[in-house]
């Protein structure tokens, strides 16, 4: 069981969750640009998903 299943996927399919995560990650990369450590992008993605009210 992954983190999303543990907290509940809020009724989203895997494809919908993938699109939400991909779109958020792409938006973050466009704003911050390349060259940061992966952990920086990971923290920003976590914050962005929480900001959009997605449970992780």
N, C-alpha and C. Protein backbone atom coordinates (compact mmCIF):
# COMPACT_ATOMS: atom_id res chain seq x y z
N UNK A 1 0.86 -1.18 0.00
CA UNK A 1 0.00 0.00 0.00
C UNK A 1 0.90 1.24 0.00
N UNK A 2 0.62 2.17 -0.91
CA UNK A 2 1.43 3.39 -0.96
C UNK A 2 0.80 4.49 -0.12
N UNK A 3 1.45 5.64 -0.05
CA UNK A 3 1.00 6.74 0.80
C UNK A 3 -0.37 7.26 0.38
N UNK A 4 -0.62 7.31 -0.91
CA UNK A 4 -1.91 7.82 -1.40
C UNK A 4 -3.03 6.87 -0.99
N UNK A 5 -2.80 5.57 -1.11
CA UNK A 5 -3.82 4.61 -0.69
C UNK A 5 -4.03 4.65 0.81
N UNK A 6 -2.98 4.87 1.57
CA UNK A 6 -3.09 4.90 3.02
C UNK A 6 -3.97 6.05 3.48
N UNK A 7 -3.86 7.18 2.85
CA UNK A 7 -4.64 8.36 3.24
C UNK A 7 -5.96 8.46 2.47
N UNK A 8 -6.11 7.67 1.43
CA UNK A 8 -7.32 7.75 0.61
C UNK A 8 -7.04 8.58 -0.63
N UNK A 9 -7.41 8.07 -1.77
CA UNK A 9 -7.10 8.75 -3.03
C UNK A 9 -8.17 9.75 -3.42
N UNK A 10 -9.11 10.01 -2.52
CA UNK A 10 -10.19 10.98 -2.75
C UNK A 10 -11.00 10.62 -3.98
N UNK A 11 -11.04 9.34 -4.34
CA UNK A 11 -11.86 8.90 -5.46
C UNK A 11 -11.24 9.09 -6.83
N UNK A 12 -9.96 9.39 -6.91
CA UNK A 12 -9.29 9.59 -8.19
C UNK A 12 -8.77 8.26 -8.74
N UNK A 13 -8.77 8.12 -10.06
CA UNK A 13 -8.16 6.96 -10.68
C UNK A 13 -6.65 7.17 -10.73
N UNK A 14 -5.91 6.10 -11.04
CA UNK A 14 -4.46 6.22 -11.16
C UNK A 14 -4.08 7.22 -12.24
N UNK A 15 -4.80 7.22 -13.35
CA UNK A 15 -4.51 8.16 -14.44
C UNK A 15 -4.74 9.60 -14.00
N UNK A 16 -5.81 9.85 -13.26
CA UNK A 16 -6.08 11.20 -12.78
C UNK A 16 -5.01 11.66 -11.80
N UNK A 17 -4.60 10.76 -10.89
CA UNK A 17 -3.54 11.10 -9.94
C UNK A 17 -2.23 11.38 -10.67
N UNK A 18 -1.92 10.56 -11.66
CA UNK A 18 -0.70 10.76 -12.44
C UNK A 18 -0.71 12.12 -13.13
N UNK A 19 -1.84 12.49 -13.70
CA UNK A 19 -1.95 13.79 -14.38
C UNK A 19 -1.77 14.94 -13.39
N UNK A 20 -2.39 14.85 -12.23
CA UNK A 20 -2.25 15.89 -11.21
C UNK A 20 -0.80 16.06 -10.81
N UNK A 21 -0.13 14.94 -10.54
CA UNK A 21 1.28 14.99 -10.11
C UNK A 21 2.17 15.48 -11.23
N UNK A 22 1.97 14.98 -12.44
CA UNK A 22 2.80 15.39 -13.57
C UNK A 22 2.64 16.88 -13.85
N UNK A 23 1.40 17.36 -13.90
CA UNK A 23 1.15 18.78 -14.19
C UNK A 23 1.76 19.67 -13.11
N UNK A 24 1.65 19.26 -11.86
CA UNK A 24 2.24 20.04 -10.77
C UNK A 24 3.76 20.06 -10.87
N UNK A 25 4.35 18.90 -11.14
CA UNK A 25 5.80 18.82 -11.26
C UNK A 25 6.31 19.65 -12.44
N UNK A 26 5.61 19.61 -13.55
CA UNK A 26 6.00 20.39 -14.72
C UNK A 26 5.92 21.88 -14.43
N UNK A 27 4.87 22.29 -13.76
CA UNK A 27 4.70 23.71 -13.40
C UNK A 27 5.85 24.17 -12.48
N UNK A 28 6.21 23.33 -11.52
CA UNK A 28 7.31 23.65 -10.61
C UNK A 28 8.62 23.78 -11.38
N UNK A 29 8.87 22.84 -12.28
CA UNK A 29 10.12 22.86 -13.06
C UNK A 29 10.19 24.09 -13.95
N UNK A 30 9.07 24.50 -14.51
CA UNK A 30 9.06 25.70 -15.36
C UNK A 30 9.37 26.95 -14.54
N UNK A 31 8.89 26.99 -13.31
CA UNK A 31 9.13 28.16 -12.46
C UNK A 31 10.56 28.17 -11.93
N UNK A 32 11.02 27.04 -11.41
CA UNK A 32 12.34 26.98 -10.78
C UNK A 32 13.47 26.76 -11.77
N UNK A 33 13.17 26.10 -12.88
CA UNK A 33 14.19 25.81 -13.87
C UNK A 33 15.02 24.59 -13.50
N UNK A 34 15.94 24.21 -14.37
CA UNK A 34 16.77 23.03 -14.13
C UNK A 34 17.93 23.34 -13.18
N UNK A 35 18.55 22.30 -12.68
CA UNK A 35 19.79 22.45 -11.94
C UNK A 35 19.70 22.34 -10.44
N UNK A 36 18.51 22.22 -9.88
CA UNK A 36 18.39 22.06 -8.44
C UNK A 36 18.50 20.59 -8.07
N UNK A 37 18.77 20.34 -6.80
CA UNK A 37 18.80 18.97 -6.33
C UNK A 37 17.38 18.39 -6.36
N UNK A 38 17.30 17.09 -6.54
CA UNK A 38 16.01 16.42 -6.60
C UNK A 38 15.20 16.68 -5.33
N UNK A 39 15.86 16.75 -4.20
CA UNK A 39 15.15 16.97 -2.94
C UNK A 39 14.45 18.33 -2.93
N UNK A 40 15.00 19.31 -3.61
CA UNK A 40 14.35 20.63 -3.70
C UNK A 40 13.05 20.54 -4.47
N UNK A 41 13.08 19.85 -5.60
CA UNK A 41 11.86 19.67 -6.39
C UNK A 41 10.83 18.85 -5.61
N UNK A 42 11.31 17.84 -4.89
CA UNK A 42 10.42 16.98 -4.12
C UNK A 42 9.68 17.78 -3.05
N UNK A 43 10.39 18.63 -2.33
CA UNK A 43 9.76 19.46 -1.30
C UNK A 43 8.75 20.43 -1.92
N UNK A 44 9.10 21.01 -3.04
CA UNK A 44 8.19 21.94 -3.72
C UNK A 44 6.94 21.21 -4.20
N UNK A 45 7.12 20.00 -4.73
CA UNK A 45 5.97 19.22 -5.18
C UNK A 45 5.07 18.85 -4.01
N UNK A 46 5.66 18.45 -2.90
CA UNK A 46 4.89 18.13 -1.71
C UNK A 46 4.07 19.34 -1.26
N UNK A 47 4.71 20.50 -1.21
CA UNK A 47 4.03 21.73 -0.81
C UNK A 47 2.90 22.07 -1.79
N UNK A 48 3.18 21.96 -3.07
CA UNK A 48 2.19 22.30 -4.09
C UNK A 48 0.96 21.39 -4.00
N UNK A 49 1.17 20.11 -3.80
CA UNK A 49 0.04 19.18 -3.70
C UNK A 49 -0.77 19.44 -2.43
N UNK A 50 -0.10 19.75 -1.33
CA UNK A 50 -0.82 20.10 -0.11
C UNK A 50 -1.59 21.41 -0.30
N UNK A 51 -1.00 22.35 -0.97
CA UNK A 51 -1.64 23.64 -1.23
C UNK A 51 -2.93 23.45 -2.05
N UNK A 52 -2.92 22.47 -2.92
CA UNK A 52 -4.09 22.18 -3.76
C UNK A 52 -5.07 21.23 -3.05
N UNK A 53 -4.83 21.00 -1.76
CA UNK A 53 -5.71 20.16 -0.93
C UNK A 53 -5.71 18.69 -1.31
N UNK A 54 -4.59 18.16 -1.77
CA UNK A 54 -4.47 16.73 -2.02
C UNK A 54 -3.79 16.10 -0.82
N UNK A 55 -4.38 15.03 -0.30
CA UNK A 55 -3.83 14.33 0.86
C UNK A 55 -2.71 13.42 0.39
N UNK A 56 -1.61 13.44 1.11
CA UNK A 56 -0.48 12.56 0.77
C UNK A 56 -0.19 11.63 1.90
